[in-house]
Amino acid sequence: MLPEVADWFQRRTWQPPPWTAAELVAAKRGRTVSVVLPALNEEQTVAHVVETVRAAAVPARPGGVPLVDDVLVMDGGSTDSTALRARAAGARVVDREQALPGLAVRPGKGEVLWRALAATDTDLVVYVDADLVDVEPALVVGLLGPLLTVDGVELVKGFYRRPLRLETAEAGTGGGRVTELMARPLIARFAPLAGGVVQPLGGEYAGTRDLLESLPFAASYGVEIGLLLDTIATRGLDAVGQVDLGVRKHRNRTLLDLGVMAQEVLDTVLSRSGGPGTADPREREMAHPTSELVQFVQQDGIWTARSRPLALADRPPMRLMRAAAARHGSIET
C-alpha cells in the first residue's frame, strides 16, 4: 500500500462507526437526506430493506427532525411485485421513465442510480441495494456519519464481511468475487490511490449532491468503481471515507452473471485510466470494447455459445443534463 494510502486509511476509515442517529440529527444543520434503493425484481427483500431504512428515519422524539427525509425505491423495470411491496412498506416508488420523461432508457444499474438524482432533491444521497438480507438501521447511520461530521468528506463507501451462500450452506468467508478477481487487481495496476478502499464495488455508499451531480455515471455494474475513481481524480483521496457496516448478506449471482459484471468493471476502469495504449491500429481495433460478452454453457453434454449484452456507455454528469434542459426546455433523447 502506498504511504499516502496507508495514511488515508488511518484517517478516513471508521471501524466500527462511532455515531448515533441522535448525534447525526443534531449535525444535519438543515441538510436533507434521501435513501435510494435501486431495485430490479427484488420482491423477496425490498420490503424489509425499506422498513429498516424507514426505522432510521423516525425522529428521536415526537415532532423532531428525522435523520432521513425521503426513502425512494428506483424501479429498474421490475416485472414482479417489487414496486407494490415497496409502496406497502412505505417507500416512494419511481420508475426509470418517470424520473426523466422523454429520455430513452438505457440498461444497467448505473442508469437507475443516475436517474435517481433527477427524482430527488436532497443535499445528501445514500444508495442501498434492495437485495440485502438482515439489514439494520445502523447501516444508514454509518454511511451518513462522515458526510455530516467530517469536513471535506464527499463520498462514503461501506465495507463489510460478505458470507458466500452455497446452496443451503453458508461459507464463513468469500463473496465479493468480482472485487477480488477483477477490481482489486485493476486498482493495483491502474488506480493505486484507491488501493485502501475495502469494498470498491459495494452498493452501499453515500455522497453529497454537489459531488454526485458533477460526475458521469457508468451505465453498468461499473458505476460504483467509476464514481470512486472519478471522486479521487476530481476531489482528491481525502474526499473519500469508508465505514465498517459489519456483515452484508445478499443474493449471490451465478458465475455467468459475474462474468458480465466483471467485463463492465474492466471497461469502466480502463476507460478512466486511459487503458493499455498501442500504436498499432490493428491492435487498437482488436482491443476496442465489444457490446457483448460471449460465454459458454453446457446443456445435454453440448457446449453452446451465449452472448450477453454489455452496458458500457457513461451517462454525463446530471448537472450538465439539467443545464441542457434549462437551455432547450426539455431533455433530449
C-alpha atoms as a PDB file:
ATOM      1  CA  MET A   1       0.000   0.000   0.000  1.00  0.00           C
ATOM      2  CA  LEU A   2       1.347   3.437  -0.923  1.00  0.00           C
ATOM      3  CA  PRO A   3       2.352   5.548   2.106  1.00  0.00           C
ATOM      4  CA  GLU A   4      -0.262   8.196   1.288  1.00  0.00           C
ATOM      5  CA  VAL A   5      -2.914   5.493   1.021  1.00  0.00           C
ATOM      6  CA  ALA A   6      -1.882   3.970   4.347  1.00  0.00           C
ATOM      7  CA  ASP A   7      -2.162   7.427   5.920  1.00  0.00           C
ATOM      8  CA  TRP A   8      -5.592   7.938   4.340  1.00  0.00           C
ATOM      9  CA  PHE A   9      -6.748   4.552   5.632  1.00  0.00           C
ATOM     10  CA  GLN A  10      -5.899   5.549   9.202  1.00  0.00           C
ATOM     11  CA  ARG A  11      -7.661   8.907   8.989  1.00  0.00           C
ATOM     12  CA  ARG A  12     -10.662   8.115   6.789  1.00  0.00           C
ATOM     13  CA  THR A  13     -11.686   4.620   7.956  1.00  0.00           C
ATOM     14  CA  TRP A  14     -14.130   4.144  10.803  1.00  0.00           C
ATOM     15  CA  GLN A  15     -14.495   0.662  12.276  1.00  0.00           C
ATOM     16  CA  PRO A  16     -16.913   0.489  13.887  1.00  0.00           C
ATOM     17  CA  PRO A  17     -18.786   3.732  13.128  1.00  0.00           C
ATOM     18  CA  PRO A  18     -18.908   5.821  16.333  1.00  0.00           C
ATOM     19  CA  TRP A  19     -22.042   7.876  15.648  1.00  0.00           C
ATOM     20  CA  THR A  20     -25.598   7.572  16.922  1.00  0.00           C
ATOM     21  CA  ALA A  21     -28.683   8.612  14.987  1.00  0.00           C
ATOM     22  CA  ALA A  22     -29.398  11.343  17.530  1.00  0.00           C
ATOM     23  CA  GLU A  23     -25.916  12.810  17.106  1.00  0.00           C
ATOM     24  CA  LEU A  24     -26.297  12.893  13.343  1.00  0.00           C
ATOM     25  CA  VAL A  25     -29.717  14.537  13.529  1.00  0.00           C
ATOM     26  CA  ALA A  26     -28.077  17.326  15.526  1.00  0.00           C
ATOM     27  CA  ALA A  27     -25.294  17.515  12.924  1.00  0.00           C
ATOM     28  CA  LYS A  28     -27.663  17.864   9.948  1.00  0.00           C
ATOM     29  CA  ARG A  29     -27.986  21.631  10.413  1.00  0.00           C
ATOM     30  CA  GLY A  30     -30.730  21.958   7.839  1.00  0.00           C
ATOM     31  CA  ARG A  31     -29.317  19.476   5.357  1.00  0.00           C
ATOM     32  CA  THR A  32     -31.667  16.884   3.879  1.00  0.00           C
ATOM     33  CA  VAL A  33     -31.121  13.186   3.182  1.00  0.00           C
ATOM     34  CA  SER A  34     -32.561  10.725   0.676  1.00  0.00           C
ATOM     35  CA  VAL A  35     -32.015   6.984   0.806  1.00  0.00           C
ATOM     36  CA  VAL A  36     -32.283   5.443  -2.656  1.00  0.00           C
ATOM     37  CA  LEU A  37     -32.842   1.722  -3.184  1.00  0.00           C
ATOM     38  CA  PRO A  38     -32.226   0.633  -6.800  1.00  0.00           C
ATOM     39  CA  ALA A  39     -34.410  -2.419  -7.347  1.00  0.00           C
ATOM     40  CA  LEU A  40     -34.966  -4.913 -10.138  1.00  0.00           C
ATOM     41  CA  ASN A  41     -37.214  -7.871  -9.298  1.00  0.00           C
ATOM     42  CA  GLU A  42     -36.418  -7.829  -5.578  1.00  0.00           C
ATOM     43  CA  GLU A  43     -39.892  -8.658  -4.240  1.00  0.00           C
ATOM     44  CA  GLN A  44     -38.449 -11.063  -1.649  1.00  0.00           C
ATOM     45  CA  THR A  45     -36.274  -8.486   0.113  1.00  0.00           C
ATOM     46  CA  VAL A  46     -37.297  -4.940  -0.814  1.00  0.00           C
ATOM     47  CA  ALA A  47     -39.989  -4.517   1.866  1.00  0.00           C
ATOM     48  CA  HIS A  48     -37.620  -5.481   4.677  1.00  0.00           C
ATOM     49  CA  VAL A  49     -34.934  -3.095   3.428  1.00  0.00           C
ATOM     50  CA  VAL A  50     -37.465  -0.263   3.117  1.00  0.00           C
ATOM     51  CA  GLU A  51     -38.816  -0.888   6.612  1.00  0.00           C
ATOM     52  CA  THR A  52     -35.289  -0.913   8.018  1.00  0.00           C
ATOM     53  CA  VAL A  53     -34.358   2.342   6.305  1.00  0.00           C
ATOM     54  CA  ARG A  54     -37.593   3.966   7.448  1.00  0.00           C
ATOM     55  CA  ALA A  55     -36.776   2.929  11.010  1.00  0.00           C
ATOM     56  CA  ALA A  56     -33.670   5.085  10.725  1.00  0.00           C
ATOM     57  CA  ALA A  57     -35.889   7.947   9.539  1.00  0.00           C
ATOM     58  CA  VAL A  58     -38.047   8.067  12.668  1.00  0.00           C
ATOM     59  CA  PRO A  59     -37.341  11.211  14.760  1.00  0.00           C
ATOM     60  CA  ALA A  60     -35.835  10.569  18.182  1.00  0.00           C
ATOM     61  CA  ARG A  61     -38.740  12.477  19.755  1.00  0.00           C
ATOM     62  CA  PRO A  62     -42.236  13.443  18.582  1.00  0.00           C
ATOM     63  CA  GLY A  63     -42.101  16.439  16.304  1.00  0.00           C
ATOM     64  CA  GLY A  64     -38.334  16.156  15.990  1.00  0.00           C
ATOM     65  CA  VAL A  65     -36.164  16.209  12.881  1.00  0.00           C
ATOM     66  CA  PRO A  66     -35.818  12.841  11.117  1.00  0.00           C
ATOM     67  CA  LEU A  67     -32.407  11.562  10.083  1.00  0.00           C
ATOM     68  CA  VAL A  68     -33.772  10.508   6.667  1.00  0.00           C
ATOM     69  CA  ASP A  69     -36.166  12.792   4.806  1.00  0.00           C
ATOM     70  CA  ASP A  70     -37.006  10.628   1.800  1.00  0.00           C
ATOM     71  CA  VAL A  71     -36.948   6.875   1.096  1.00  0.00           C
ATOM     72  CA  LEU A  72     -37.042   6.221  -2.645  1.00  0.00           C
ATOM     73  CA  VAL A  73     -37.173   2.896  -4.448  1.00  0.00           C
ATOM     74  CA  MET A  74     -35.964   3.405  -8.016  1.00  0.00           C
ATOM     75  CA  ASP A  75     -37.549   0.615 -10.018  1.00  0.00           C
ATOM     76  CA  GLY A  76     -35.264  -0.568 -12.791  1.00  0.00           C
ATOM     77  CA  GLY A  77     -38.047  -2.253 -14.781  1.00  0.00           C
ATOM     78  CA  SER A  78     -39.275  -4.947 -12.395  1.00  0.00           C
ATOM     79  CA  THR A  79     -41.780  -7.487 -13.655  1.00  0.00           C
ATOM     80  CA  ASP A  80     -42.658  -8.887 -10.225  1.00  0.00           C
ATOM     81  CA  SER A  81     -44.240  -7.281  -7.143  1.00  0.00           C
ATOM     82  CA  THR A  82     -41.227  -5.166  -6.191  1.00  0.00           C
ATOM     83  CA  ALA A  83     -42.982  -1.814  -6.649  1.00  0.00           C
ATOM     84  CA  LEU A  84     -46.166  -2.954  -4.900  1.00  0.00           C
ATOM     85  CA  ARG A  85     -44.310  -4.283  -1.867  1.00  0.00           C
ATOM     86  CA  ALA A  86     -42.056  -1.243  -1.664  1.00  0.00           C
ATOM     87  CA  ARG A  87     -45.052   1.111  -1.573  1.00  0.00           C
ATOM     88  CA  ALA A  88     -46.788  -1.042   1.017  1.00  0.00           C
ATOM     89  CA  ALA A  89     -43.668  -0.807   3.176  1.00  0.00           C
ATOM     90  CA  GLY A  90     -43.795   2.984   2.996  1.00  0.00           C
ATOM     91  CA  ALA A  91     -41.359   3.918   0.236  1.00  0.00           C
ATOM     92  CA  ARG A  92     -41.860   6.377  -2.561  1.00  0.00           C
ATOM     93  CA  VAL A  93     -41.507   4.412  -5.825  1.00  0.00           C
ATOM     94  CA  VAL A  94     -40.390   5.929  -9.123  1.00  0.00           C
ATOM     95  CA  ASP A  95     -39.605   4.027 -12.288  1.00  0.00           C
ATOM     96  CA  ARG A  96     -36.883   4.950 -14.749  1.00  0.00           C
ATOM     97  CA  GLU A  97     -39.176   6.646 -17.279  1.00  0.00           C
ATOM     98  CA  GLN A  98     -40.847   8.811 -14.628  1.00  0.00           C
ATOM     99  CA  ALA A  99     -37.527  10.112 -13.363  1.00  0.00           C
ATOM    100  CA  LEU A 100     -36.555  11.666 -16.697  1.00  0.00           C
ATOM    101  CA  PRO A 101     -39.532  11.670 -19.089  1.00  0.00           C
ATOM    102  CA  GLY A 102     -38.569  11.876 -22.733  1.00  0.00           C
ATOM    103  CA  LEU A 103     -35.073  10.488 -22.289  1.00  0.00           C
ATOM    104  CA  ALA A 104     -34.723   6.966 -23.679  1.00  0.00           C
ATOM    105  CA  VAL A 105     -33.851   4.423 -21.001  1.00  0.00           C
ATOM    106  CA  ARG A 106     -30.593   2.524 -21.187  1.00  0.00           C
ATOM    107  CA  PRO A 107     -29.998  -0.813 -19.474  1.00  0.00           C
ATOM    108  CA  GLY A 108     -27.861  -1.180 -16.390  1.00  0.00           C
ATOM    109  CA  LYS A 109     -27.715  -0.395 -12.698  1.00  0.00           C
ATOM    110  CA  GLY A 110     -25.836   2.855 -13.206  1.00  0.00           C
ATOM    111  CA  GLU A 111     -28.706   4.201 -15.288  1.00  0.00           C
ATOM    112  CA  VAL A 112     -31.076   3.673 -12.355  1.00  0.00           C
ATOM    113  CA  LEU A 113     -28.731   5.360  -9.867  1.00  0.00           C
ATOM    114  CA  TRP A 114     -28.167   8.275 -12.227  1.00  0.00           C
ATOM    115  CA  ARG A 115     -31.884   8.833 -12.793  1.00  0.00           C
ATOM    116  CA  ALA A 116     -32.428   8.771  -9.026  1.00  0.00           C
ATOM    117  CA  LEU A 117     -30.608  12.111  -8.883  1.00  0.00           C
ATOM    118  CA  ALA A 118     -33.382  13.583 -11.019  1.00  0.00           C
ATOM    119  CA  ALA A 119     -36.050  12.024  -8.785  1.00  0.00           C
ATOM    120  CA  THR A 120     -34.596  13.512  -5.572  1.00  0.00           C
ATOM    121  CA  ASP A 121     -33.569  16.986  -4.453  1.00  0.00           C
ATOM    122  CA  THR A 122     -31.880  16.397  -1.104  1.00  0.00           C
ATOM    123  CA  ASP A 123     -28.411  17.569  -0.131  1.00  0.00           C
ATOM    124  CA  LEU A 124     -27.148  14.058   0.597  1.00  0.00           C
ATOM    125  CA  VAL A 125     -27.959  10.787  -1.174  1.00  0.00           C
ATOM    126  CA  VAL A 126     -27.484   7.322   0.314  1.00  0.00           C
ATOM    127  CA  TYR A 127     -27.556   4.304  -2.012  1.00  0.00           C
ATOM    128  CA  VAL A 128     -28.553   0.942  -0.538  1.00  0.00           C
ATOM    129  CA  ASP A 129     -29.058  -2.222  -2.609  1.00  0.00           C
ATOM    130  CA  ALA A 130     -32.559  -3.684  -2.348  1.00  0.00           C
ATOM    131  CA  ASP A 131     -31.422  -7.325  -2.189  1.00  0.00           C
ATOM    132  CA  LEU A 132     -29.917  -7.147   1.300  1.00  0.00           C
ATOM    133  CA  VAL A 133     -30.775  -9.704   3.975  1.00  0.00           C
ATOM    134  CA  ASP A 134     -30.654  -8.973   7.736  1.00  0.00           C
ATOM    135  CA  VAL A 135     -30.013  -5.261   7.168  1.00  0.00           C
ATOM    136  CA  GLU A 136     -30.114  -2.913  10.186  1.00  0.00           C
ATOM    137  CA  PRO A 137     -30.794   0.841  10.575  1.00  0.00           C
ATOM    138  CA  ALA A 138     -27.173   1.301  11.705  1.00  0.00           C
ATOM    139  CA  LEU A 139     -26.197   0.945   8.036  1.00  0.00           C
ATOM    140  CA  VAL A 140     -27.713   4.333   7.202  1.00  0.00           C
ATOM    141  CA  VAL A 141     -26.261   5.925  10.330  1.00  0.00           C
ATOM    142  CA  GLY A 142     -22.772   4.684   9.478  1.00  0.00           C
ATOM    143  CA  LEU A 143     -22.843   5.929   5.892  1.00  0.00           C
ATOM    144  CA  LEU A 144     -24.085   9.383   6.882  1.00  0.00           C
ATOM    145  CA  GLY A 145     -21.657   9.859   9.771  1.00  0.00           C
ATOM    146  CA  PRO A 146     -18.606  11.163   7.864  1.00  0.00           C
ATOM    147  CA  LEU A 147     -20.700  13.294   5.498  1.00  0.00           C
ATOM    148  CA  LEU A 148     -22.405  15.085   8.381  1.00  0.00           C
ATOM    149  CA  THR A 149     -19.491  15.395  10.801  1.00  0.00           C
ATOM    150  CA  VAL A 150     -16.153  15.387   8.926  1.00  0.00           C
ATOM    151  CA  ASP A 151     -15.129  18.362   6.824  1.00  0.00           C
ATOM    152  CA  GLY A 152     -14.068  17.540   3.280  1.00  0.00           C
ATOM    153  CA  VAL A 153     -15.676  14.089   3.011  1.00  0.00           C
ATOM    154  CA  GLU A 154     -17.990  13.894  -0.001  1.00  0.00           C
ATOM    155  CA  LEU A 155     -18.239  10.143  -0.717  1.00  0.00           C
ATOM    156  CA  VAL A 156     -18.551   7.417   1.921  1.00  0.00           C
ATOM    157  CA  LYS A 157     -18.134   3.767   0.987  1.00  0.00           C
ATOM    158  CA  GLY A 158     -19.447   0.977   3.173  1.00  0.00           C
ATOM    159  CA  PHE A 159     -17.439  -2.191   3.706  1.00  0.00           C
ATOM    160  CA  TYR A 160     -18.374  -5.458   5.314  1.00  0.00           C
ATOM    161  CA  ARG A 161     -17.737  -9.148   5.584  1.00  0.00           C
ATOM    162  CA  ARG A 162     -19.622 -10.966   2.836  1.00  0.00           C
ATOM    163  CA  PRO A 163     -20.536 -14.592   3.605  1.00  0.00           C
ATOM    164  CA  LEU A 164     -20.968 -16.609   0.434  1.00  0.00           C
ATOM    165  CA  ARG A 165     -24.082 -18.772   0.270  1.00  0.00           C
ATOM    166  CA  LEU A 166     -23.519 -22.144  -1.350  1.00  0.00           C
ATOM    167  CA  GLU A 167     -26.833 -23.919  -1.876  1.00  0.00           C
ATOM    168  CA  THR A 168     -28.153 -24.252   1.694  1.00  0.00           C
ATOM    169  CA  ALA A 169     -24.776 -23.832   3.396  1.00  0.00           C
ATOM    170  CA  GLU A 170     -23.005 -20.587   4.109  1.00  0.00           C
ATOM    171  CA  ALA A 171     -19.261 -20.178   3.917  1.00  0.00           C
ATOM    172  CA  GLY A 172     -17.748 -18.052   6.646  1.00  0.00           C
ATOM    173  CA  THR A 173     -15.693 -16.079   4.170  1.00  0.00           C
ATOM    174  CA  GLY A 174     -15.898 -15.428   0.477  1.00  0.00           C
ATOM    175  CA  GLY A 175     -18.223 -13.348  -1.613  1.00  0.00           C
ATOM    176  CA  GLY A 176     -17.018 -10.254  -3.388  1.00  0.00           C
ATOM    177  CA  ARG A 177     -15.644 -12.462  -6.113  1.00  0.00           C
ATOM    178  CA  VAL A 178     -15.607  -9.761  -8.797  1.00  0.00           C
ATOM    179  CA  THR A 179     -13.880  -7.460  -6.319  1.00  0.00           C
ATOM    180  CA  GLU A 180     -11.087  -9.897  -5.552  1.00  0.00           C
ATOM    181  CA  LEU A 181     -10.622 -11.345  -9.038  1.00  0.00           C
ATOM    182  CA  MET A 182     -11.173  -8.243 -11.167  1.00  0.00           C
ATOM    183  CA  ALA A 183     -11.494  -4.910  -9.342  1.00  0.00           C
ATOM    184  CA  ARG A 184      -8.636  -5.204  -6.885  1.00  0.00           C
ATOM    185  CA  PRO A 185      -6.020  -6.287  -9.461  1.00  0.00           C
ATOM    186  CA  LEU A 186      -7.181  -3.476 -11.769  1.00  0.00           C
ATOM    187  CA  ILE A 187      -6.894  -0.924  -8.960  1.00  0.00           C
ATOM    188  CA  ALA A 188      -3.405  -2.157  -8.117  1.00  0.00           C
ATOM    189  CA  ARG A 189      -2.347  -1.732 -11.741  1.00  0.00           C
ATOM    190  CA  PHE A 190      -4.212   1.399 -12.859  1.00  0.00           C
ATOM    191  CA  ALA A 191      -5.523   3.248  -9.772  1.00  0.00           C
ATOM    192  CA  PRO A 192      -3.293   2.563  -6.749  1.00  0.00           C
ATOM    193  CA  LEU A 193      -4.650   5.580  -4.843  1.00  0.00           C
ATOM    194  CA  ALA A 194      -7.885   3.603  -4.433  1.00  0.00           C
ATOM    195  CA  GLY A 195      -5.975   0.635  -3.004  1.00  0.00           C
ATOM    196  CA  GLY A 196      -7.114   1.273   0.572  1.00  0.00           C
ATOM    197  CA  VAL A 197     -10.833   1.007  -0.217  1.00  0.00           C
ATOM    198  CA  VAL A 198     -12.060  -2.298   1.189  1.00  0.00           C
ATOM    199  CA  GLN A 199     -15.171  -2.689  -0.981  1.00  0.00           C
ATOM    200  CA  PRO A 200     -14.729  -0.614  -4.171  1.00  0.00           C
ATOM    201  CA  LEU A 201     -17.746  -2.296  -5.797  1.00  0.00           C
ATOM    202  CA  GLY A 202     -20.017  -2.196  -2.756  1.00  0.00           C
ATOM    203  CA  GLY A 203     -23.563  -0.992  -3.369  1.00  0.00           C
ATOM    204  CA  GLU A 204     -23.921   0.755  -0.013  1.00  0.00           C
ATOM    205  CA  TYR A 205     -22.462   4.254  -0.139  1.00  0.00           C
ATOM    206  CA  ALA A 206     -23.423   7.897   0.274  1.00  0.00           C
ATOM    207  CA  GLY A 207     -22.424  11.174  -1.315  1.00  0.00           C
ATOM    208  CA  THR A 208     -23.150  14.851  -1.472  1.00  0.00           C
ATOM    209  CA  ARG A 209     -25.400  16.005  -4.272  1.00  0.00           C
ATOM    210  CA  ASP A 210     -22.745  18.506  -5.296  1.00  0.00           C
ATOM    211  CA  LEU A 211     -20.325  15.651  -5.921  1.00  0.00           C
ATOM    212  CA  LEU A 212     -22.736  13.149  -7.460  1.00  0.00           C
ATOM    213  CA  GLU A 213     -24.210  15.631  -9.926  1.00  0.00           C
ATOM    214  CA  SER A 214     -20.713  16.608 -11.078  1.00  0.00           C
ATOM    215  CA  LEU A 215     -19.669  13.070 -12.071  1.00  0.00           C
ATOM    216  CA  PRO A 216     -20.531  10.805 -15.010  1.00  0.00           C
ATOM    217  CA  PHE A 217     -22.294   7.552 -14.151  1.00  0.00           C
ATOM    218  CA  ALA A 218     -21.277   4.310 -15.835  1.00  0.00           C
ATOM    219  CA  ALA A 219     -24.480   2.704 -17.087  1.00  0.00           C
ATOM    220  CA  SER A 220     -23.420  -0.686 -15.878  1.00  0.00           C
ATOM    221  CA  TYR A 221     -22.133  -2.543 -12.833  1.00  0.00           C
ATOM    222  CA  GLY A 222     -19.038  -0.414 -13.201  1.00  0.00           C
ATOM    223  CA  VAL A 223     -20.939   2.532 -11.703  1.00  0.00           C
ATOM    224  CA  GLU A 224     -19.556   2.148  -8.180  1.00  0.00           C
ATOM    225  CA  ILE A 225     -15.905   1.914  -9.123  1.00  0.00           C
ATOM    226  CA  GLY A 226     -16.396   4.686 -11.676  1.00  0.00           C
ATOM    227  CA  LEU A 227     -17.753   7.060  -9.037  1.00  0.00           C
ATOM    228  CA  LEU A 228     -14.913   6.136  -6.693  1.00  0.00           C
ATOM    229  CA  LEU A 229     -12.151   6.727  -9.243  1.00  0.00           C
ATOM    230  CA  ASP A 230     -13.738   9.939 -10.529  1.00  0.00           C
ATOM    231  CA  THR A 231     -14.114  11.292  -6.990  1.00  0.00           C
ATOM    232  CA  ILE A 232     -10.432  10.693  -6.276  1.00  0.00           C
ATOM    233  CA  ALA A 233      -9.466  12.235  -9.629  1.00  0.00           C
ATOM    234  CA  THR A 234     -11.586  15.385  -9.223  1.00  0.00           C
ATOM    235  CA  ARG A 235     -11.810  15.949  -5.446  1.00  0.00           C
ATOM    236  CA  GLY A 236      -8.783  14.118  -4.066  1.00  0.00           C
ATOM    237  CA  LEU A 237      -8.412  10.997  -1.939  1.00  0.00           C
ATOM    238  CA  ASP A 238      -9.397  12.805   1.264  1.00  0.00           C
ATOM    239  CA  ALA A 239     -12.871  13.396  -0.184  1.00  0.00           C
ATOM    240  CA  VAL A 240     -13.488   9.643   0.295  1.00  0.00           C
ATOM    241  CA  GLY A 241     -14.206   7.903   3.591  1.00  0.00           C
ATOM    242  CA  GLN A 242     -15.229   4.358   4.465  1.00  0.00           C
ATOM    243  CA  VAL A 243     -17.122   2.759   7.334  1.00  0.00           C
ATOM    244  CA  ASP A 244     -17.407  -0.802   8.607  1.00  0.00           C
ATOM    245  CA  LEU A 245     -21.025  -1.949   8.260  1.00  0.00           C
ATOM    246  CA  GLY A 246     -20.497  -5.396   9.776  1.00  0.00           C
ATOM    247  CA  VAL A 247     -21.899  -8.265   7.717  1.00  0.00           C
ATOM    248  CA  ARG A 248     -23.658  -7.951   4.363  1.00  0.00           C
ATOM    249  CA  LYS A 249     -25.799 -10.795   3.090  1.00  0.00           C
ATOM    250  CA  HIS A 250     -27.463 -10.655  -0.289  1.00  0.00           C
ATOM    251  CA  ARG A 251     -28.478 -12.760  -3.241  1.00  0.00           C
ATOM    252  CA  ASN A 252     -25.347 -14.224  -4.804  1.00  0.00           C
ATOM    253  CA  ARG A 253     -25.239 -14.397  -8.573  1.00  0.00           C
ATOM    254  CA  THR A 254     -24.161 -17.119 -10.955  1.00  0.00           C
ATOM    255  CA  LEU A 255     -20.669 -17.161 -12.445  1.00  0.00           C
ATOM    256  CA  LEU A 256     -22.145 -16.247 -15.815  1.00  0.00           C
ATOM    257  CA  ASP A 257     -23.753 -13.141 -14.313  1.00  0.00           C
ATOM    258  CA  LEU A 258     -20.500 -12.296 -12.566  1.00  0.00           C
ATOM    259  CA  GLY A 259     -18.673 -12.568 -15.888  1.00  0.00           C
ATOM    260  CA  VAL A 260     -20.805  -9.765 -17.312  1.00  0.00           C
ATOM    261  CA  MET A 261     -20.249  -7.671 -14.185  1.00  0.00           C
ATOM    262  CA  ALA A 262     -16.501  -8.251 -14.404  1.00  0.00           C
ATOM    263  CA  GLN A 263     -16.389  -7.157 -18.043  1.00  0.00           C
ATOM    264  CA  GLU A 264     -18.293  -3.965 -17.234  1.00  0.00           C
ATOM    265  CA  VAL A 265     -15.992  -3.221 -14.295  1.00  0.00           C
ATOM    266  CA  LEU A 266     -12.975  -3.809 -16.529  1.00  0.00           C
ATOM    267  CA  ASP A 267     -14.264  -1.407 -19.172  1.00  0.00           C
ATOM    268  CA  THR A 268     -15.054   1.276 -16.592  1.00  0.00           C
ATOM    269  CA  VAL A 269     -11.598   1.166 -15.017  1.00  0.00           C
ATOM    270  CA  LEU A 270      -9.769   1.129 -18.344  1.00  0.00           C
ATOM    271  CA  SER A 271     -11.857   3.999 -19.700  1.00  0.00           C
ATOM    272  CA  ARG A 272     -10.794   6.104 -16.714  1.00  0.00           C
ATOM    273  CA  SER A 273      -7.163   5.084 -16.759  1.00  0.00           C
ATOM    274  CA  GLY A 274      -6.575   5.535 -20.462  1.00  0.00           C
ATOM    275  CA  GLY A 275      -6.251   1.789 -20.826  1.00  0.00           C
ATOM    276  CA  PRO A 276      -3.386  -0.045 -22.466  1.00  0.00           C
ATOM    277  CA  GLY A 277      -2.226   2.163 -25.353  1.00  0.00           C
ATOM    278  CA  THR A 278      -0.777   0.899 -28.590  1.00  0.00           C
ATOM    279  CA  ALA A 279       0.484   2.468 -31.780  1.00  0.00           C
ATOM    280  CA  ASP A 280      -0.610  -0.420 -33.982  1.00  0.00           C
ATOM    281  CA  PRO A 281      -4.095   0.351 -35.448  1.00  0.00           C
ATOM    282  CA  ARG A 282      -4.774  -3.369 -35.877  1.00  0.00           C
ATOM    283  CA  GLU A 283      -4.147  -3.938 -32.170  1.00  0.00           C
ATOM    284  CA  ARG A 284      -6.310  -0.920 -31.298  1.00  0.00           C
ATOM    285  CA  GLU A 285      -9.144  -2.420 -33.312  1.00  0.00           C
ATOM    286  CA  MET A 286      -8.763  -5.761 -31.544  1.00  0.00           C
ATOM    287  CA  ALA A 287      -8.786  -4.016 -28.144  1.00  0.00           C
ATOM    288  CA  HIS A 288     -11.904  -1.943 -28.880  1.00  0.00           C
ATOM    289  CA  PRO A 289     -14.630  -2.680 -26.300  1.00  0.00           C
ATOM    290  CA  THR A 290     -17.322  -5.002 -27.577  1.00  0.00           C
ATOM    291  CA  SER A 291     -21.022  -4.550 -26.869  1.00  0.00           C
ATOM    292  CA  GLU A 292     -21.468  -8.156 -25.819  1.00  0.00           C
ATOM    293  CA  LEU A 293     -19.750 -10.870 -23.835  1.00  0.00           C
ATOM    294  CA  VAL A 294     -19.654 -14.374 -25.291  1.00  0.00           C
ATOM    295  CA  GLN A 295     -19.922 -17.133 -22.684  1.00  0.00           C
ATOM    296  CA  PHE A 296     -20.254 -20.889 -22.993  1.00  0.00           C
ATOM    297  CA  VAL A 297     -22.775 -23.152 -21.287  1.00  0.00           C
ATOM    298  CA  GLN A 298     -23.250 -26.901 -21.448  1.00  0.00           C
ATOM    299  CA  GLN A 299     -26.673 -28.414 -21.984  1.00  0.00           C
ATOM    300  CA  ASP A 300     -27.224 -32.124 -22.508  1.00  0.00           C
ATOM    301  CA  GLY A 301     -23.494 -32.614 -22.965  1.00  0.00           C
ATOM    302  CA  ILE A 302     -23.233 -29.967 -25.706  1.00  0.00           C
ATOM    303  CA  TRP A 303     -21.348 -26.706 -25.218  1.00  0.00           C
ATOM    304  CA  THR A 304     -23.031 -23.724 -26.835  1.00  0.00           C
ATOM    305  CA  ALA A 305     -22.135 -20.047 -27.066  1.00  0.00           C
ATOM    306  CA  ARG A 306     -24.375 -17.475 -25.461  1.00  0.00           C
ATOM    307  CA  SER A 307     -23.977 -13.723 -25.923  1.00  0.00           C
ATOM    308  CA  ARG A 308     -24.833 -11.332 -23.109  1.00  0.00           C
ATOM    309  CA  PRO A 309     -25.244  -7.600 -23.814  1.00  0.00           C
ATOM    310  CA  LEU A 310     -22.960  -5.164 -22.018  1.00  0.00           C
ATOM    311  CA  ALA A 311     -23.883  -1.668 -20.825  1.00  0.00           C
ATOM    312  CA  LEU A 312     -20.727   0.376 -21.369  1.00  0.00           C
ATOM    313  CA  ALA A 313     -21.708   3.980 -22.159  1.00  0.00           C
ATOM    314  CA  ASP A 314     -21.470   6.541 -19.342  1.00  0.00           C
ATOM    315  CA  ARG A 315     -24.238   8.992 -18.609  1.00  0.00           C
ATOM    316  CA  PRO A 316     -22.946  12.587 -18.376  1.00  0.00           C
ATOM    317  CA  PRO A 317     -22.944  14.485 -15.079  1.00  0.00           C
ATOM    318  CA  MET A 318     -26.513  15.271 -14.044  1.00  0.00           C
ATOM    319  CA  ARG A 319     -25.535  18.912 -13.624  1.00  0.00           C
ATOM    320  CA  LEU A 320     -24.822  19.113 -17.360  1.00  0.00           C
ATOM    321  CA  MET A 321     -28.157  17.455 -18.149  1.00  0.00           C
ATOM    322  CA  ARG A 322     -30.013  19.988 -16.008  1.00  0.00           C
ATOM    323  CA  ALA A 323     -28.202  22.852 -17.721  1.00  0.00           C
ATOM    324  CA  ALA A 324     -29.035  21.455 -21.169  1.00  0.00           C
ATOM    325  CA  ALA A 325     -32.688  21.033 -20.193  1.00  0.00           C
ATOM    326  CA  ALA A 326     -32.803  24.637 -18.986  1.00  0.00           C
ATOM    327  CA  ARG A 327     -31.423  25.865 -22.302  1.00  0.00           C
ATOM    328  CA  HIS A 328     -33.616  23.752 -24.563  1.00  0.00           C
ATOM    329  CA  GLY A 329     -36.737  23.419 -22.434  1.00  0.00           C
ATOM    330  CA  SER A 330     -36.561  19.625 -22.412  1.00  0.00           C
ATOM    331  CA  ILE A 331     -34.153  16.734 -22.087  1.00  0.00           C
ATOM    332  CA  GLU A 332     -33.112  15.424 -25.471  1.00  0.00           C
ATOM    333  CA  THR A 333     -33.210  11.705 -26.173  1.00  0.00           C
END
